Amino acid sequence: MRGVRERGVWSEMSILKIDEIRKMSERELVEELERLQRDLIRERSMVATGGTPENPGRIREIRRTIARIKTVLRERELLSEGEKRR
């Protein structure tokens, strides 16, 4: 997994490029999707309770990465359905 250096320490970064997502197995995608959804809940709850997020753009990054993963999962689902019909 990629990381980014924040405040002197390495932390995991949520952004995955579409080509990285396409290289992942379905199991990896589902695991990553679940992890990102937990991160999104955590970030949103922090904001809702009046806390200030370390990175204000992180919620947007997480949401977009979740959308990318769901898109790839759906593409694979449609591809497998198309192959079954043949």
PDB file of N, CA and C in Angstrom:
ATOM      1  N   MET A   1       0.832  -1.169   0.000  1.00  0.00           N
ATOM      2  CA  MET A   1       0.000   0.000   0.000  1.00  0.00           C
ATOM      3  C   MET A   1       0.884   1.242   0.000  1.00  0.00           C
ATOM      4  N   ARG A   2       0.346   2.262  -0.581  1.00  0.00           N
ATOM      5  CA  ARG A   2       1.087   3.513  -0.614  1.00  0.00           C
ATOM      6  C   ARG A   2       0.886   4.263   0.682  1.00  0.00           C
ATOM      7  N   GLY A   3       1.820   5.159   0.969  1.00  0.00           N
ATOM      8  CA  GLY A   3       1.687   5.981   2.161  1.00  0.00           C
ATOM      9  C   GLY A   3       2.089   7.401   1.847  1.00  0.00           C
ATOM     10  N   VAL A   4       1.853   8.274   2.779  1.00  0.00           N
ATOM     11  CA  VAL A   4       2.217   9.667   2.627  1.00  0.00           C
ATOM     12  C   VAL A   4       2.827  10.119   3.954  1.00  0.00           C
ATOM     13  N   ARG A   5       3.773  11.005   3.862  1.00  0.00           N
ATOM     14  CA  ARG A   5       4.426  11.490   5.065  1.00  0.00           C
ATOM     15  C   ARG A   5       3.676  12.712   5.576  1.00  0.00           C
ATOM     16  N   GLU A   6       3.103  12.582   6.768  1.00  0.00           N
ATOM     17  CA  GLU A   6       2.387  13.681   7.398  1.00  0.00           C
ATOM     18  C   GLU A   6       2.987  13.944   8.767  1.00  0.00           C
ATOM     19  N   ARG A   7       3.365  15.169   9.015  1.00  0.00           N
ATOM     20  CA  ARG A   7       3.878  15.577  10.322  1.00  0.00           C
ATOM     21  C   ARG A   7       4.993  14.666  10.815  1.00  0.00           C
ATOM     22  N   GLY A   8       5.861  14.268   9.919  1.00  0.00           N
ATOM     23  CA  GLY A   8       7.015  13.487  10.308  1.00  0.00           C
ATOM     24  C   GLY A   8       6.800  11.991  10.425  1.00  0.00           C
ATOM     25  N   VAL A   9       5.578  11.505  10.228  1.00  0.00           N
ATOM     26  CA  VAL A   9       5.319  10.066  10.296  1.00  0.00           C
ATOM     27  C   VAL A   9       4.613   9.621   9.030  1.00  0.00           C
ATOM     28  N   TRP A  10       4.767   8.346   8.704  1.00  0.00           N
ATOM     29  CA  TRP A  10       4.108   7.799   7.520  1.00  0.00           C
ATOM     30  C   TRP A  10       2.723   7.337   7.915  1.00  0.00           C
ATOM     31  N   SER A  11       1.744   7.712   7.119  1.00  0.00           N
ATOM     32  CA  SER A  11       0.383   7.238   7.363  1.00  0.00           C
ATOM     33  C   SER A  11      -0.183   6.722   6.056  1.00  0.00           C
ATOM     34  N   GLU A  12      -1.119   5.819   6.166  1.00  0.00           N
ATOM     35  CA  GLU A  12      -1.717   5.224   4.989  1.00  0.00           C
ATOM     36  C   GLU A  12      -2.587   6.252   4.278  1.00  0.00           C
ATOM     37  N   MET A  13      -2.523   6.251   2.973  1.00  0.00           N
ATOM     38  CA  MET A  13      -3.282   7.203   2.186  1.00  0.00           C
ATOM     39  C   MET A  13      -4.442   6.482   1.518  1.00  0.00           C
ATOM     40  N   SER A  14      -5.588   7.119   1.477  1.00  0.00           N
ATOM     41  CA  SER A  14      -6.787   6.476   0.964  1.00  0.00           C
ATOM     42  C   SER A  14      -6.869   6.462  -0.550  1.00  0.00           C
ATOM     43  N   ILE A  15      -6.178   7.359  -1.191  1.00  0.00           N
ATOM     44  CA  ILE A  15      -6.351   7.483  -2.629  1.00  0.00           C
ATOM     45  C   ILE A  15      -5.700   6.301  -3.344  1.00  0.00           C
ATOM     46  N   LEU A  16      -6.489   5.656  -4.161  1.00  0.00           N
ATOM     47  CA  LEU A  16      -5.988   4.599  -5.028  1.00  0.00           C
ATOM     48  C   LEU A  16      -6.347   5.001  -6.445  1.00  0.00           C
ATOM     49  N   LYS A  17      -5.415   4.908  -7.313  1.00  0.00           N
ATOM     50  CA  LYS A  17      -5.675   5.208  -8.719  1.00  0.00           C
ATOM     51  C   LYS A  17      -6.468   4.053  -9.321  1.00  0.00           C
ATOM     52  N   ILE A  18      -7.204   4.346 -10.380  1.00  0.00           N
ATOM     53  CA  ILE A  18      -8.067   3.339 -10.994  1.00  0.00           C
ATOM     54  C   ILE A  18      -7.269   2.133 -11.496  1.00  0.00           C
ATOM     55  N   ASP A  19      -6.064   2.364 -12.016  1.00  0.00           N
ATOM     56  CA  ASP A  19      -5.269   1.229 -12.500  1.00  0.00           C
ATOM     57  C   ASP A  19      -4.802   0.348 -11.336  1.00  0.00           C
ATOM     58  N   GLU A  20      -4.556   0.945 -10.167  1.00  0.00           N
ATOM     59  CA  GLU A  20      -4.192   0.150  -8.989  1.00  0.00           C
ATOM     60  C   GLU A  20      -5.377  -0.684  -8.527  1.00  0.00           C
ATOM     61  N   ILE A  21      -6.558  -0.085  -8.585  1.00  0.00           N
ATOM     62  CA  ILE A  21      -7.778  -0.784  -8.159  1.00  0.00           C
ATOM     63  C   ILE A  21      -8.061  -1.956  -9.093  1.00  0.00           C
ATOM     64  N   ARG A  22      -7.892  -1.756 -10.378  1.00  0.00           N
ATOM     65  CA  ARG A  22      -8.161  -2.820 -11.356  1.00  0.00           C
ATOM     66  C   ARG A  22      -7.217  -4.014 -11.176  1.00  0.00           C
ATOM     67  N   LYS A  23      -6.033  -3.793 -10.637  1.00  0.00           N
ATOM     68  CA  LYS A  23      -5.067  -4.873 -10.427  1.00  0.00           C
ATOM     69  C   LYS A  23      -5.384  -5.711  -9.191  1.00  0.00           C
ATOM     70  N   MET A  24      -6.253  -5.217  -8.333  1.00  0.00           N
ATOM     71  CA  MET A  24      -6.575  -5.905  -7.085  1.00  0.00           C
ATOM     72  C   MET A  24      -7.575  -7.035  -7.336  1.00  0.00           C
ATOM     73  N   SER A  25      -7.497  -8.069  -6.491  1.00  0.00           N
ATOM     74  CA  SER A  25      -8.462  -9.163  -6.587  1.00  0.00           C
ATOM     75  C   SER A  25      -9.787  -8.698  -5.986  1.00  0.00           C
ATOM     76  N   GLU A  26     -10.836  -9.459  -6.238  1.00  0.00           N
ATOM     77  CA  GLU A  26     -12.151  -9.090  -5.713  1.00  0.00           C
ATOM     78  C   GLU A  26     -12.141  -9.072  -4.181  1.00  0.00           C
ATOM     79  N   ARG A  27     -11.464 -10.029  -3.605  1.00  0.00           N
ATOM     80  CA  ARG A  27     -11.365 -10.101  -2.142  1.00  0.00           C
ATOM     81  C   ARG A  27     -10.654  -8.864  -1.589  1.00  0.00           C
ATOM     82  N   GLU A  28      -9.564  -8.468  -2.231  1.00  0.00           N
ATOM     83  CA  GLU A  28      -8.839  -7.272  -1.800  1.00  0.00           C
ATOM     84  C   GLU A  28      -9.711  -6.025  -1.928  1.00  0.00           C
ATOM     85  N   LEU A  29     -10.487  -5.964  -3.012  1.00  0.00           N
ATOM     86  CA  LEU A  29     -11.371  -4.815  -3.223  1.00  0.00           C
ATOM     87  C   LEU A  29     -12.419  -4.718  -2.130  1.00  0.00           C
ATOM     88  N   VAL A  30     -13.017  -5.840  -1.786  1.00  0.00           N
ATOM     89  CA  VAL A  30     -14.052  -5.853  -0.748  1.00  0.00           C
ATOM     90  C   VAL A  30     -13.446  -5.450   0.601  1.00  0.00           C
ATOM     91  N   GLU A  31     -12.267  -5.970   0.917  1.00  0.00           N
ATOM     92  CA  GLU A  31     -11.601  -5.614   2.170  1.00  0.00           C
ATOM     93  C   GLU A  31     -11.268  -4.131   2.208  1.00  0.00           C
ATOM     94  N   GLU A  32     -10.752  -3.602   1.113  1.00  0.00           N
ATOM     95  CA  GLU A  32     -10.398  -2.182   1.039  1.00  0.00           C
ATOM     96  C   GLU A  32     -11.660  -1.320   1.144  1.00  0.00           C
ATOM     97  N   LEU A  33     -12.722  -1.741   0.503  1.00  0.00           N
ATOM     98  CA  LEU A  33     -13.990  -1.019   0.552  1.00  0.00           C
ATOM     99  C   LEU A  33     -14.503  -0.942   1.994  1.00  0.00           C
ATOM    100  N   GLU A  34     -14.462  -2.047   2.702  1.00  0.00           N
ATOM    101  CA  GLU A  34     -14.910  -2.070   4.096  1.00  0.00           C
ATOM    102  C   GLU A  34     -14.049  -1.157   4.964  1.00  0.00           C
ATOM    103  N   ARG A  35     -12.743  -1.199   4.753  1.00  0.00           N
ATOM    104  CA  ARG A  35     -11.826  -0.355   5.527  1.00  0.00           C
ATOM    105  C   ARG A  35     -12.105   1.123   5.269  1.00  0.00           C
ATOM    106  N   LEU A  36     -12.304   1.471   4.005  1.00  0.00           N
ATOM    107  CA  LEU A  36     -12.573   2.867   3.656  1.00  0.00           C
ATOM    108  C   LEU A  36     -13.912   3.338   4.214  1.00  0.00           C
ATOM    109  N   GLN A  37     -14.908   2.469   4.208  1.00  0.00           N
ATOM    110  CA  GLN A  37     -16.204   2.839   4.764  1.00  0.00           C
ATOM    111  C   GLN A  37     -16.090   3.092   6.269  1.00  0.00           C
ATOM    112  N   ARG A  38     -15.280   2.286   6.972  1.00  0.00           N
ATOM    113  CA  ARG A  38     -15.039   2.530   8.398  1.00  0.00           C
ATOM    114  C   ARG A  38     -14.317   3.860   8.605  1.00  0.00           C
ATOM    115  N   ASP A  39     -13.314   4.136   7.754  1.00  0.00           N
ATOM    116  CA  ASP A  39     -12.582   5.403   7.838  1.00  0.00           C
ATOM    117  C   ASP A  39     -13.515   6.588   7.612  1.00  0.00           C
ATOM    118  N   LEU A  40     -14.421   6.455   6.652  1.00  0.00           N
ATOM    119  CA  LEU A  40     -15.350   7.533   6.343  1.00  0.00           C
ATOM    120  C   LEU A  40     -16.275   7.801   7.534  1.00  0.00           C
ATOM    121  N   ILE A  41     -16.767   6.750   8.157  1.00  0.00           N
ATOM    122  CA  ILE A  41     -17.620   6.910   9.333  1.00  0.00           C
ATOM    123  C   ILE A  41     -16.844   7.609  10.450  1.00  0.00           C
ATOM    124  N   ARG A  42     -15.604   7.196  10.649  1.00  0.00           N
ATOM    125  CA  ARG A  42     -14.762   7.795  11.691  1.00  0.00           C
ATOM    126  C   ARG A  42     -14.532   9.281  11.419  1.00  0.00           C
ATOM    127  N   GLU A  43     -14.204   9.612  10.181  1.00  0.00           N
ATOM    128  CA  GLU A  43     -13.953  11.015   9.820  1.00  0.00           C
ATOM    129  C   GLU A  43     -15.218  11.853   9.972  1.00  0.00           C
ATOM    130  N   ARG A  44     -16.349  11.328   9.517  1.00  0.00           N
ATOM    131  CA  ARG A  44     -17.600  12.078   9.623  1.00  0.00           C
ATOM    132  C   ARG A  44     -18.026  12.264  11.070  1.00  0.00           C
ATOM    133  N   SER A  45     -17.811  11.251  11.901  1.00  0.00           N
ATOM    134  CA  SER A  45     -18.191  11.386  13.311  1.00  0.00           C
ATOM    135  C   SER A  45     -17.304  12.411  14.008  1.00  0.00           C
ATOM    136  N   MET A  46     -16.037  12.485  13.624  1.00  0.00           N
ATOM    137  CA  MET A  46     -15.137  13.470  14.197  1.00  0.00           C
ATOM    138  C   MET A  46     -15.634  14.884  13.882  1.00  0.00           C
ATOM    139  N   VAL A  47     -16.052  15.102  12.653  1.00  0.00           N
ATOM    140  CA  VAL A  47     -16.560  16.407  12.249  1.00  0.00           C
ATOM    141  C   VAL A  47     -17.885  16.703  12.955  1.00  0.00           C
ATOM    142  N   ALA A  48     -18.749  15.687  13.066  1.00  0.00           N
ATOM    143  CA  ALA A  48     -20.062  15.871  13.680  1.00  0.00           C
ATOM    144  C   ALA A  48     -19.969  16.224  15.163  1.00  0.00           C
ATOM    145  N   THR A  49     -18.930  15.736  15.826  1.00  0.00           N
ATOM    146  CA  THR A  49     -18.776  16.025  17.252  1.00  0.00           C
ATOM    147  C   THR A  49     -18.007  17.314  17.499  1.00  0.00           C
ATOM    148  N   GLY A  50     -17.733  18.038  16.439  1.00  0.00           N
ATOM    149  CA  GLY A  50     -17.088  19.334  16.586  1.00  0.00           C
ATOM    150  C   GLY A  50     -15.587  19.306  16.476  1.00  0.00           C
ATOM    151  N   GLY A  51     -15.019  18.156  16.162  1.00  0.00           N
ATOM    152  CA  GLY A  51     -13.579  18.057  16.007  1.00  0.00           C
ATOM    153  C   GLY A  51     -13.134  18.604  14.662  1.00  0.00           C
ATOM    154  N   THR A  52     -11.875  18.934  14.586  1.00  0.00           N
ATOM    155  CA  THR A  52     -11.318  19.417  13.334  1.00  0.00           C
ATOM    156  C   THR A  52     -10.500  18.300  12.705  1.00  0.00           C
ATOM    157  N   PRO A  53     -10.835  17.924  11.477  1.00  0.00           N
ATOM    158  CA  PRO A  53     -10.063  16.852  10.836  1.00  0.00           C
ATOM    159  C   PRO A  53      -8.645  17.313  10.520  1.00  0.00           C
ATOM    160  N   GLU A  54      -7.693  16.375  10.608  1.00  0.00           N
ATOM    161  CA  GLU A  54      -6.304  16.708  10.282  1.00  0.00           C
ATOM    162  C   GLU A  54      -6.181  17.135   8.833  1.00  0.00           C
ATOM    163  N   ASN A  55      -6.921  16.448   7.971  1.00  0.00           N
ATOM    164  CA  ASN A  55      -6.877  16.749   6.549  1.00  0.00           C
ATOM    165  C   ASN A  55      -8.321  16.948   6.080  1.00  0.00           C
ATOM    166  N   PRO A  56      -8.736  18.189   5.887  1.00  0.00           N
ATOM    167  CA  PRO A  56     -10.128  18.448   5.516  1.00  0.00           C
ATOM    168  C   PRO A  56     -10.551  17.795   4.196  1.00  0.00           C
ATOM    169  N   GLY A  57      -9.641  17.546   3.303  1.00  0.00           N
ATOM    170  CA  GLY A  57      -9.978  16.934   2.024  1.00  0.00           C
ATOM    171  C   GLY A  57     -10.062  15.426   2.068  1.00  0.00           C
ATOM    172  N   ARG A  58      -9.752  14.844   3.214  1.00  0.00           N
ATOM    173  CA  ARG A  58      -9.725  13.380   3.337  1.00  0.00           C
ATOM    174  C   ARG A  58     -11.097  12.752   3.107  1.00  0.00           C
ATOM    175  N   ILE A  59     -12.162  13.371   3.598  1.00  0.00           N
ATOM    176  CA  ILE A  59     -13.500  12.811   3.410  1.00  0.00           C
ATOM    177  C   ILE A  59     -13.804  12.701   1.922  1.00  0.00           C
ATOM    178  N   ARG A  60     -13.474  13.722   1.176  1.00  0.00           N
ATOM    179  CA  ARG A  60     -13.701  13.709  -0.273  1.00  0.00           C
ATOM    180  C   ARG A  60     -12.860  12.615  -0.941  1.00  0.00           C
ATOM    181  N   GLU A  61     -11.606  12.490  -0.526  1.00  0.00           N
ATOM    182  CA  GLU A  61     -10.728  11.455  -1.083  1.00  0.00           C
ATOM    183  C   GLU A  61     -11.296  10.064  -0.823  1.00  0.00           C
ATOM    184  N   ILE A  62     -11.757   9.840   0.395  1.00  0.00           N
ATOM    185  CA  ILE A  62     -12.307   8.535   0.758  1.00  0.00           C
ATOM    186  C   ILE A  62     -13.546   8.238  -0.071  1.00  0.00           C
ATOM    187  N   ARG A  63     -14.454   9.215  -0.178  1.00  0.00           N
ATOM    188  CA  ARG A  63     -15.687   9.014  -0.948  1.00  0.00           C
ATOM    189  C   ARG A  63     -15.376   8.677  -2.405  1.00  0.00           C
ATOM    190  N   ARG A  64     -14.437   9.371  -2.992  1.00  0.00           N
ATOM    191  CA  ARG A  64     -14.092   9.112  -4.394  1.00  0.00           C
ATOM    192  C   ARG A  64     -13.443   7.744  -4.578  1.00  0.00           C
ATOM    193  N   THR A  65     -12.607   7.342  -3.634  1.00  0.00           N
ATOM    194  CA  THR A  65     -11.983   6.028  -3.727  1.00  0.00           C
ATOM    195  C   THR A  65     -13.027   4.926  -3.570  1.00  0.00           C
ATOM    196  N   ILE A  66     -13.986   5.125  -2.673  1.00  0.00           N
ATOM    197  CA  ILE A  66     -15.079   4.163  -2.515  1.00  0.00           C
ATOM    198  C   ILE A  66     -15.840   4.042  -3.834  1.00  0.00           C
ATOM    199  N   ALA A  67     -16.108   5.173  -4.473  1.00  0.00           N
ATOM    200  CA  ALA A  67     -16.831   5.146  -5.753  1.00  0.00           C
ATOM    201  C   ALA A  67     -16.032   4.408  -6.822  1.00  0.00           C
ATOM    202  N   ARG A  68     -14.725   4.605  -6.857  1.00  0.00           N
ATOM    203  CA  ARG A  68     -13.886   3.904  -7.837  1.00  0.00           C
ATOM    204  C   ARG A  68     -13.947   2.399  -7.622  1.00  0.00           C
ATOM    205  N   ILE A  69     -13.843   1.970  -6.369  1.00  0.00           N
ATOM    206  CA  ILE A  69     -13.878   0.540  -6.059  1.00  0.00           C
ATOM    207  C   ILE A  69     -15.226  -0.056  -6.447  1.00  0.00           C
ATOM    208  N   LYS A  70     -16.312   0.633  -6.102  1.00  0.00           N
ATOM    209  CA  LYS A  70     -17.636   0.134  -6.457  1.00  0.00           C
ATOM    210  C   LYS A  70     -17.820   0.061  -7.965  1.00  0.00           C
ATOM    211  N   THR A  71     -17.250   1.006  -8.692  1.00  0.00           N
ATOM    212  CA  THR A  71     -17.327   0.993 -10.154  1.00  0.00           C
ATOM    213  C   THR A  71     -16.632  -0.241 -10.721  1.00  0.00           C
ATOM    214  N   VAL A  72     -15.438  -0.530 -10.235  1.00  0.00           N
ATOM    215  CA  VAL A  72     -14.685  -1.690 -10.726  1.00  0.00           C
ATOM    216  C   VAL A  72     -15.413  -2.983 -10.369  1.00  0.00           C
ATOM    217  N   LEU A  73     -15.964  -3.066  -9.163  1.00  0.00           N
ATOM    218  CA  LEU A  73     -16.718  -4.268  -8.777  1.00  0.00           C
ATOM    219  C   LEU A  73     -17.926  -4.460  -9.693  1.00  0.00           C
ATOM    220  N   ARG A  74     -18.622  -3.389 -10.001  1.00  0.00           N
ATOM    221  CA  ARG A  74     -19.789  -3.465 -10.883  1.00  0.00           C
ATOM    222  C   ARG A  74     -19.377  -3.845 -12.305  1.00  0.00           C
ATOM    223  N   GLU A  75     -18.271  -3.294 -12.798  1.00  0.00           N
ATOM    224  CA  GLU A  75     -17.783  -3.655 -14.130  1.00  0.00           C
ATOM    225  C   GLU A  75     -17.502  -5.149 -14.206  1.00  0.00           C
ATOM    226  N   ARG A  76     -16.865  -5.676 -13.165  1.00  0.00           N
ATOM    227  CA  ARG A  76     -16.553  -7.107 -13.141  1.00  0.00           C
ATOM    228  C   ARG A  76     -17.824  -7.942 -13.080  1.00  0.00           C
ATOM    229  N   GLU A  77     -18.815  -7.469 -12.332  1.00  0.00           N
ATOM    230  CA  GLU A  77     -20.089  -8.172 -12.234  1.00  0.00           C
ATOM    231  C   GLU A  77     -20.771  -8.224 -13.596  1.00  0.00           C
ATOM    232  N   LEU A  78     -20.795  -7.105 -14.289  1.00  0.00           N
ATOM    233  CA  LEU A  78     -21.416  -7.050 -15.605  1.00  0.00           C
ATOM    234  C   LEU A  78     -20.653  -7.908 -16.613  1.00  0.00           C
ATOM    235  N   LEU A  79     -19.341  -7.910 -16.522  1.00  0.00           N
ATOM    236  CA  LEU A  79     -18.526  -8.714 -17.408  1.00  0.00           C
ATOM    237  C   LEU A  79     -18.808 -10.203 -17.218  1.00  0.00           C
ATOM    238  N   SER A  80     -18.924 -10.632 -15.966  1.00  0.00           N
ATOM    239  CA  SER A  80     -19.196 -12.042 -15.706  1.00  0.00           C
ATOM    240  C   SER A  80     -20.618 -12.425 -16.156  1.00  0.00           C
ATOM    241  N   GLU A  81     -21.568 -11.499 -16.020  1.00  0.00           N
ATOM    242  CA  GLU A  81     -22.920 -11.767 -16.503  1.00  0.00           C
ATOM    243  C   GLU A  81     -22.934 -11.898 -18.023  1.00  0.00           C
ATOM    244  N   GLY A  82     -22.171 -11.067 -18.690  1.00  0.00           N
ATOM    245  CA  GLY A  82     -22.097 -11.133 -20.153  1.00  0.00           C
ATOM    246  C   GLY A  82     -21.493 -12.432 -20.635  1.00  0.00           C
ATOM    247  N   GLU A  83     -20.505 -12.942 -19.892  1.00  0.00           N
ATOM    248  CA  GLU A  83     -19.869 -14.202 -20.263  1.00  0.00           C
ATOM    249  C   GLU A  83     -20.818 -15.382 -20.023  1.00  0.00           C
ATOM    250  N   LYS A  84     -21.670 -15.297 -19.024  1.00  0.00           N
ATOM    251  CA  LYS A  84     -22.613 -16.375 -18.726  1.00  0.00           C
ATOM    252  C   LYS A  84     -23.671 -16.486 -19.807  1.00  0.00           C
ATOM    253  N   ARG A  85     -24.017 -15.364 -20.402  1.00  0.00           N
ATOM    254  CA  ARG A  85     -25.073 -15.350 -21.428  1.00  0.00           C
ATOM    255  C   ARG A  85     -24.627 -15.935 -22.763  1.00  0.00           C
ATOM    256  N   ARG A  86     -23.340 -16.032 -22.943  1.00  0.00           N
ATOM    257  CA  ARG A  86     -22.823 -16.546 -24.221  1.00  0.00           C
ATOM    258  C   ARG A  86     -22.975 -18.007 -24.352  1.00  0.00           C
TER     259      ARG A  86
END
